[in-house]
């Protein structure tokens, strides 16, 4: 009797194993650089639409924010990969001692802009204006702007992530993100001119997938799956953003439908995700030429010591070249 019971149990166990998936989904954590927003839409879409699951991943998206050091958290093992604001930023992080590698860039252009009042038509018109820029700009776009358009340090004042000083001062211009601050300024009824750095040769990529060297080596299969699925997520998001937007609003209850709609429209209009090299080589692509342009800018602006950081170690195209998700 006992042996019959065991054989029944054994048969049940075999049936259960046959019904179970061949492999459990691999857990993978990606940490963004700010509160959830449309600029993160493709990643949320890949969660919402089960695209990561299709590629064998159980992905958690963690929000960053102004007080969160996402690089530190990744180095401490709390994220597999993080969203770099730009490839330039991540190259500098590497010089700071964290062996981080850019494996994809989902924005082909850096969305950073200067927003001026409507009398300004071009960057050259900013001479003599008060420029409200954040401290981080000194290690990013500011040296580039100074060299290219003859602007000066004396013009700058700290940017406090508040549009009111700009609104109140007709002689001021402020930094912003193409998809965000121009909308807030428009909403309060102020007419403005938006000047985008990348339209004038600023080389940076943005919205990167940046991982520790160890992760790229030890979890290459999972990183490849994450890059491919994220590219599919971005393609899907631009076609129908509703599934991701529901998750974005859940993570960030302050986000409005109007802001999301404005941001998505700008992402499409400017070809942020699908333009440039992505149109032919696939969403998320990085090229050797662009990586070199970013690196050369940092070296020439004395923002990076080439003796400490080797270009070839700052990025890899091995994942994006195989993903090839065309818009």
Protein backbone atom coordinates (compact mmCIF):
# COMPACT_ATOMS: atom_id res chain seq x y z
CA UNK A 1 0.00 0.00 0.00
CA UNK A 2 2.81 2.34 0.95
CA UNK A 3 4.67 1.74 -2.34
CA UNK A 4 1.44 2.47 -4.31
CA UNK A 5 1.04 5.79 -2.41
CA UNK A 6 4.64 6.70 -3.18
CA UNK A 7 4.20 5.91 -6.86
CA UNK A 8 1.08 8.14 -6.97
CA UNK A 9 3.07 10.93 -5.26
CA UNK A 10 5.95 10.38 -7.67
CA UNK A 11 3.65 10.57 -10.67
CA UNK A 12 2.11 13.79 -9.30
CA UNK A 13 5.58 15.31 -8.83
CA UNK A 14 6.55 14.40 -12.39
CA UNK A 15 3.30 15.91 -13.73
CA UNK A 16 3.95 19.10 -11.73
CA UNK A 17 7.50 19.41 -13.08
CA UNK A 18 6.25 18.90 -16.64
CA UNK A 19 3.71 21.72 -16.17
CA UNK A 20 6.23 24.14 -14.60
CA UNK A 21 8.23 26.46 -16.87
CA UNK A 22 11.58 25.08 -17.93
CA UNK A 23 13.37 27.95 -16.21
CA UNK A 24 12.30 30.48 -13.62
CA UNK A 25 12.55 34.11 -14.70
CA UNK A 26 15.81 35.77 -13.74
CA UNK A 27 15.39 38.69 -11.37
CA UNK A 28 16.82 41.94 -12.75
CA UNK A 29 16.69 45.42 -11.20
CA UNK A 30 17.01 48.62 -13.22
CA UNK A 31 17.19 51.93 -11.41
CA UNK A 32 16.10 55.14 -13.11
CA UNK A 33 17.64 58.58 -12.57
CA UNK A 34 14.48 60.45 -11.54
CA UNK A 35 10.84 60.09 -10.55
CA UNK A 36 8.79 57.99 -13.00
CA UNK A 37 7.94 59.93 -16.18
CA UNK A 38 7.41 59.50 -19.92
CA UNK A 39 11.18 59.65 -20.42
CA UNK A 40 11.26 56.20 -18.75
CA UNK A 41 8.25 54.94 -20.70
CA UNK A 42 9.84 52.14 -22.69
CA UNK A 43 11.07 50.36 -19.57
CA UNK A 44 7.68 50.59 -17.86
CA UNK A 45 6.01 49.43 -21.08
CA UNK A 46 8.20 46.32 -21.18
CA UNK A 47 6.98 45.52 -17.66
CA UNK A 48 3.33 46.34 -18.39
CA UNK A 49 3.21 44.34 -21.62
CA UNK A 50 5.12 41.30 -20.33
CA UNK A 51 8.00 41.88 -22.76
CA UNK A 52 10.67 41.28 -20.11
CA UNK A 53 8.90 38.07 -19.09
CA UNK A 54 8.94 36.96 -22.73
CA UNK A 55 12.75 37.20 -22.57
CA UNK A 56 12.98 35.31 -19.28
CA UNK A 57 13.38 38.28 -16.95
CA UNK A 58 11.52 39.33 -13.83
CA UNK A 59 12.35 43.06 -13.93
CA UNK A 60 11.93 45.53 -11.08
CA UNK A 61 12.17 49.22 -11.95
CA UNK A 62 13.28 51.34 -8.99
CA UNK A 63 12.84 55.10 -9.10
CA UNK A 64 15.72 57.45 -8.55
CA UNK A 65 15.32 61.05 -7.45
CA UNK A 66 17.23 64.21 -6.52
CA UNK A 67 18.64 62.77 -3.27
CA UNK A 68 19.40 59.28 -4.59
CA UNK A 69 22.92 58.26 -5.62
CA UNK A 70 22.01 55.51 -8.06
CA UNK A 71 25.64 54.71 -8.95
CA UNK A 72 26.42 54.10 -5.29
CA UNK A 73 23.35 51.88 -4.97
CA UNK A 74 24.37 49.83 -8.00
CA UNK A 75 27.93 49.49 -6.68
CA UNK A 76 26.40 48.21 -3.41
CA UNK A 77 24.46 45.54 -5.32
CA UNK A 78 21.01 47.13 -5.06
CA UNK A 79 20.58 47.37 -8.85
CA UNK A 80 21.92 45.39 -11.79
CA UNK A 81 22.04 48.39 -14.10
CA UNK A 82 21.13 52.07 -13.86
CA UNK A 83 19.89 54.83 -16.14
CA UNK A 84 22.72 57.22 -16.84
CA UNK A 85 21.57 60.75 -17.63
CA UNK A 86 24.16 60.61 -20.42
CA UNK A 87 27.05 58.50 -21.64
CA UNK A 88 29.28 61.46 -20.72
CA UNK A 89 28.17 61.32 -17.09
CA UNK A 90 28.91 57.60 -16.90
CA UNK A 91 32.40 58.05 -18.38
CA UNK A 92 33.11 60.51 -15.57
CA UNK A 93 31.72 58.08 -13.00
CA UNK A 94 34.25 55.57 -14.28
CA UNK A 95 37.06 58.06 -13.70
CA UNK A 96 35.73 58.39 -10.15
CA UNK A 97 36.57 54.73 -9.54
CA UNK A 98 33.32 52.88 -10.33
CA UNK A 99 33.91 50.41 -13.20
CA UNK A 100 30.69 51.19 -15.06
CA UNK A 101 30.03 50.32 -18.72
CA UNK A 102 27.40 51.83 -21.06
CA UNK A 103 25.62 48.99 -22.88
CA UNK A 104 22.76 50.88 -24.59
CA UNK A 105 21.48 54.44 -25.10
CA UNK A 106 17.76 54.83 -25.61
CA UNK A 107 17.85 58.55 -26.38
CA UNK A 108 19.87 59.29 -29.49
CA UNK A 109 19.96 62.96 -28.47
CA UNK A 110 20.56 64.53 -25.08
CA UNK A 111 17.25 66.25 -24.16
CA UNK A 112 18.96 69.06 -22.26
CA UNK A 113 17.97 72.56 -23.35
CA UNK A 114 18.23 76.19 -22.40
CA UNK A 115 14.88 77.97 -22.24
CA UNK A 116 14.86 81.69 -22.94
CA UNK A 117 12.17 84.34 -23.31
CA UNK A 118 10.79 84.79 -26.82
CA UNK A 119 13.11 87.68 -27.77
CA UNK A 120 15.95 85.12 -27.92
CA UNK A 121 16.05 83.22 -31.22
CA UNK A 122 19.44 81.49 -31.07
CA UNK A 123 22.24 80.62 -28.64
CA UNK A 124 24.24 83.67 -29.70
CA UNK A 125 21.40 85.90 -28.41
CA UNK A 126 22.13 84.70 -24.85
CA UNK A 127 25.19 86.93 -24.48
CA UNK A 128 24.55 89.29 -21.57
CA UNK A 129 21.58 87.29 -20.26
CA UNK A 130 21.42 85.72 -16.80
CA UNK A 131 21.75 81.94 -17.17
CA UNK A 132 20.24 79.74 -14.45
CA UNK A 133 22.13 76.44 -14.50
CA UNK A 134 22.71 73.65 -11.98
CA UNK A 135 26.07 72.70 -10.47
CA UNK A 136 26.18 69.49 -12.53
CA UNK A 137 26.27 71.54 -15.74
CA UNK A 138 29.84 72.60 -14.92
CA UNK A 139 30.91 68.98 -15.50
CA UNK A 140 28.65 68.50 -18.50
CA UNK A 141 27.31 70.80 -21.15
CA UNK A 142 28.43 74.19 -19.76
CA UNK A 143 32.09 74.04 -20.96
CA UNK A 144 30.75 73.04 -24.39
CA UNK A 145 28.28 75.96 -24.49
CA UNK A 146 30.96 78.43 -23.39
CA UNK A 147 33.43 77.30 -26.03
CA UNK A 148 30.88 77.12 -28.84
CA UNK A 149 28.85 80.28 -28.27
CA UNK A 150 31.16 82.60 -26.31
CA UNK A 151 29.14 82.56 -23.08
CA UNK A 152 30.82 83.32 -19.73
CA UNK A 153 30.84 82.05 -16.15
CA UNK A 154 29.88 85.56 -14.97
CA UNK A 155 26.45 85.12 -16.59
CA UNK A 156 25.55 82.07 -14.52
CA UNK A 157 23.40 81.84 -11.39
CA UNK A 158 22.34 78.65 -9.58
CA UNK A 159 19.27 76.85 -10.93
CA UNK A 160 17.00 75.67 -8.11
CA UNK A 161 14.69 73.39 -10.15
CA UNK A 162 12.00 76.06 -9.89
CA UNK A 163 10.74 77.98 -12.95
CA UNK A 164 9.62 81.07 -11.01
CA UNK A 165 12.96 83.01 -11.16
CA UNK A 166 12.92 82.58 -14.95
CA UNK A 167 9.25 83.55 -15.26
CA UNK A 168 9.89 86.69 -13.18
CA UNK A 169 13.02 87.86 -15.03
CA UNK A 170 12.72 88.70 -18.74
CA UNK A 171 16.51 88.81 -18.97
CA UNK A 172 16.98 85.24 -17.72
CA UNK A 173 17.32 81.86 -19.40
CA UNK A 174 17.27 78.54 -17.59
CA UNK A 175 18.30 74.96 -18.09
CA UNK A 176 15.68 72.29 -18.62
CA UNK A 177 14.75 68.98 -20.17
CA UNK A 178 13.04 69.17 -23.56
CA UNK A 179 10.09 67.12 -22.35
CA UNK A 180 9.54 68.78 -18.97
CA UNK A 181 10.29 72.42 -18.05
CA UNK A 182 9.10 73.92 -21.39
CA UNK A 183 5.69 72.40 -20.63
CA UNK A 184 5.60 73.88 -17.11
CA UNK A 185 6.56 77.31 -18.51
CA UNK A 186 3.96 77.05 -21.26
CA UNK A 187 1.31 76.17 -18.66
CA UNK A 188 1.83 79.42 -16.75
CA UNK A 189 1.33 81.37 -19.98
CA UNK A 190 4.92 82.45 -20.68
CA UNK A 191 6.10 82.30 -24.28
CA UNK A 192 9.61 80.94 -24.61
CA UNK A 193 12.29 79.80 -27.02
CA UNK A 194 13.73 76.33 -26.45
CA UNK A 195 17.34 75.81 -27.57
CA UNK A 196 18.47 72.20 -27.75
CA UNK A 197 22.19 71.43 -27.43
CA UNK A 198 22.14 68.26 -29.51
CA UNK A 199 20.80 70.17 -32.53
CA UNK A 200 24.05 72.14 -32.51
CA UNK A 201 26.54 69.31 -32.18
CA UNK A 202 26.55 68.36 -28.49
CA UNK A 203 27.57 64.69 -28.82
CA UNK A 204 26.04 63.02 -25.76
CA UNK A 205 23.61 60.13 -25.74
CA UNK A 206 21.05 60.04 -22.92
CA UNK A 207 18.93 57.52 -21.00
CA UNK A 208 21.62 54.88 -20.98
CA UNK A 209 21.66 51.37 -19.62
CA UNK A 210 24.86 51.39 -17.57
CA UNK A 211 26.07 48.37 -15.63
CA UNK A 212 29.03 47.29 -13.54
CA UNK A 213 31.79 45.51 -15.48
CA UNK A 214 31.17 42.43 -13.33
CA UNK A 215 27.48 42.36 -14.28
CA UNK A 216 28.29 42.68 -17.99
CA UNK A 217 30.64 39.71 -17.66
CA UNK A 218 28.76 37.47 -15.21
CA UNK A 219 25.19 38.20 -16.34
CA UNK A 220 25.73 38.86 -20.04
CA UNK A 221 22.71 36.73 -21.02
CA UNK A 222 20.43 38.74 -18.74
CA UNK A 223 21.91 42.09 -19.85
CA UNK A 224 21.37 41.10 -23.50
CA UNK A 225 17.76 40.13 -22.75
CA UNK A 226 17.18 43.40 -20.86
CA UNK A 227 18.53 45.53 -23.73
CA UNK A 228 16.48 43.69 -26.38
CA UNK A 229 13.27 43.72 -24.35
CA UNK A 230 13.71 47.40 -23.43
CA UNK A 231 14.10 48.29 -27.12
CA UNK A 232 10.86 46.45 -27.86
CA UNK A 233 9.29 48.27 -24.90
CA UNK A 234 10.24 51.65 -26.36
CA UNK A 235 8.84 50.75 -29.77
CA UNK A 236 5.59 49.66 -28.14
CA UNK A 237 5.43 52.73 -25.87
CA UNK A 238 5.66 55.19 -28.75
CA UNK A 239 2.84 53.32 -30.53
CA UNK A 240 0.52 53.18 -27.49
CA UNK A 241 1.80 54.63 -24.19
CA UNK A 242 -1.29 53.83 -22.09
CA UNK A 243 -0.07 50.59 -20.39
CA UNK A 244 3.23 52.14 -19.23
CA UNK A 245 1.60 55.44 -18.26
CA UNK A 246 -0.65 53.61 -15.80
CA UNK A 247 2.45 52.15 -14.08
CA UNK A 248 4.28 55.50 -14.21
CA UNK A 249 1.37 57.22 -12.40
CA UNK A 250 1.29 54.43 -9.85
CA UNK A 251 4.99 54.95 -9.03
CA UNK A 252 4.73 58.74 -9.29
CA UNK A 253 1.23 59.95 -8.31
CA UNK A 254 2.22 63.57 -9.05
CA UNK A 255 2.51 62.79 -12.77
CA UNK A 256 -0.40 64.08 -14.87
CA UNK A 257 -1.92 62.79 -18.09
CA UNK A 258 -1.27 66.18 -19.73
CA UNK A 259 2.44 66.10 -18.87
CA UNK A 260 2.75 62.51 -20.10
CA UNK A 261 1.01 63.37 -23.39
CA UNK A 262 3.23 66.44 -23.90
CA UNK A 263 6.41 64.44 -23.22
CA UNK A 264 5.47 61.57 -25.52
CA UNK A 265 4.63 64.04 -28.31
CA UNK A 266 8.05 65.70 -27.90
CA UNK A 267 9.89 62.37 -27.86
CA UNK A 268 8.23 61.53 -31.19
CA UNK A 269 8.56 64.99 -32.75
CA UNK A 270 12.29 65.22 -32.04
CA UNK A 271 13.08 61.58 -32.90
CA UNK A 272 14.66 61.15 -29.48
CA UNK A 273 14.33 57.36 -29.46
CA UNK A 274 13.88 56.47 -33.13
CA UNK A 275 15.98 59.11 -34.94
CA UNK A 276 19.66 59.28 -35.81
CA UNK A 277 21.46 55.94 -35.98
CA UNK A 278 18.50 54.17 -34.34
CA UNK A 279 16.46 54.56 -37.54
CA UNK A 280 18.77 52.11 -39.35
CA UNK A 281 20.62 50.24 -36.62
CA UNK A 282 17.86 49.78 -34.04
CA UNK A 283 16.47 51.41 -30.91
CA UNK A 284 19.03 51.79 -28.10
CA UNK A 285 22.02 51.72 -30.46
CA UNK A 286 25.39 53.24 -29.68
CA UNK A 287 28.17 53.65 -32.24
CA UNK A 288 31.94 53.78 -31.86
CA UNK A 289 31.99 57.20 -33.56
CA UNK A 290 29.51 58.75 -31.12
CA UNK A 291 31.19 57.23 -28.07
CA UNK A 292 34.50 58.67 -29.28
CA UNK A 293 32.91 62.11 -29.83
CA UNK A 294 31.64 62.15 -26.23
CA UNK A 295 35.00 61.01 -24.89
CA UNK A 296 36.94 63.52 -27.01
CA UNK A 297 34.71 66.36 -25.79
CA UNK A 298 35.36 65.45 -22.14
CA UNK A 299 39.11 65.21 -22.70
CA UNK A 300 39.30 68.51 -24.63
CA UNK A 301 37.22 70.28 -21.94
CA UNK A 302 39.54 68.82 -19.26
CA UNK A 303 36.59 67.05 -17.67
CA UNK A 304 38.22 63.63 -18.04
CA UNK A 305 41.82 62.43 -17.70
CA UNK A 306 42.58 60.04 -20.60
CA UNK A 307 45.38 58.53 -18.53
CA UNK A 308 42.75 57.29 -16.04
CA UNK A 309 39.97 56.25 -18.42
CA UNK A 310 40.37 54.22 -21.59
CA UNK A 311 37.59 54.90 -24.13
CA UNK A 312 37.18 51.22 -25.06
CA UNK A 313 36.36 50.31 -21.45
CA UNK A 314 33.57 52.89 -21.07
CA UNK A 315 31.08 51.17 -23.38
CA UNK A 316 30.31 48.05 -25.39
CA UNK A 317 28.16 47.64 -28.50
CA UNK A 318 27.94 43.85 -28.16
CA UNK A 319 24.37 43.92 -26.84
CA UNK A 320 22.83 46.65 -29.02
CA UNK A 321 24.23 45.29 -32.29
CA UNK A 322 22.42 42.01 -31.72
CA UNK A 323 19.17 43.53 -30.45
CA UNK A 324 18.40 45.43 -33.69
CA UNK A 325 14.80 46.45 -32.92
CA UNK A 326 14.02 48.81 -35.80
CA UNK A 327 11.51 51.64 -35.21
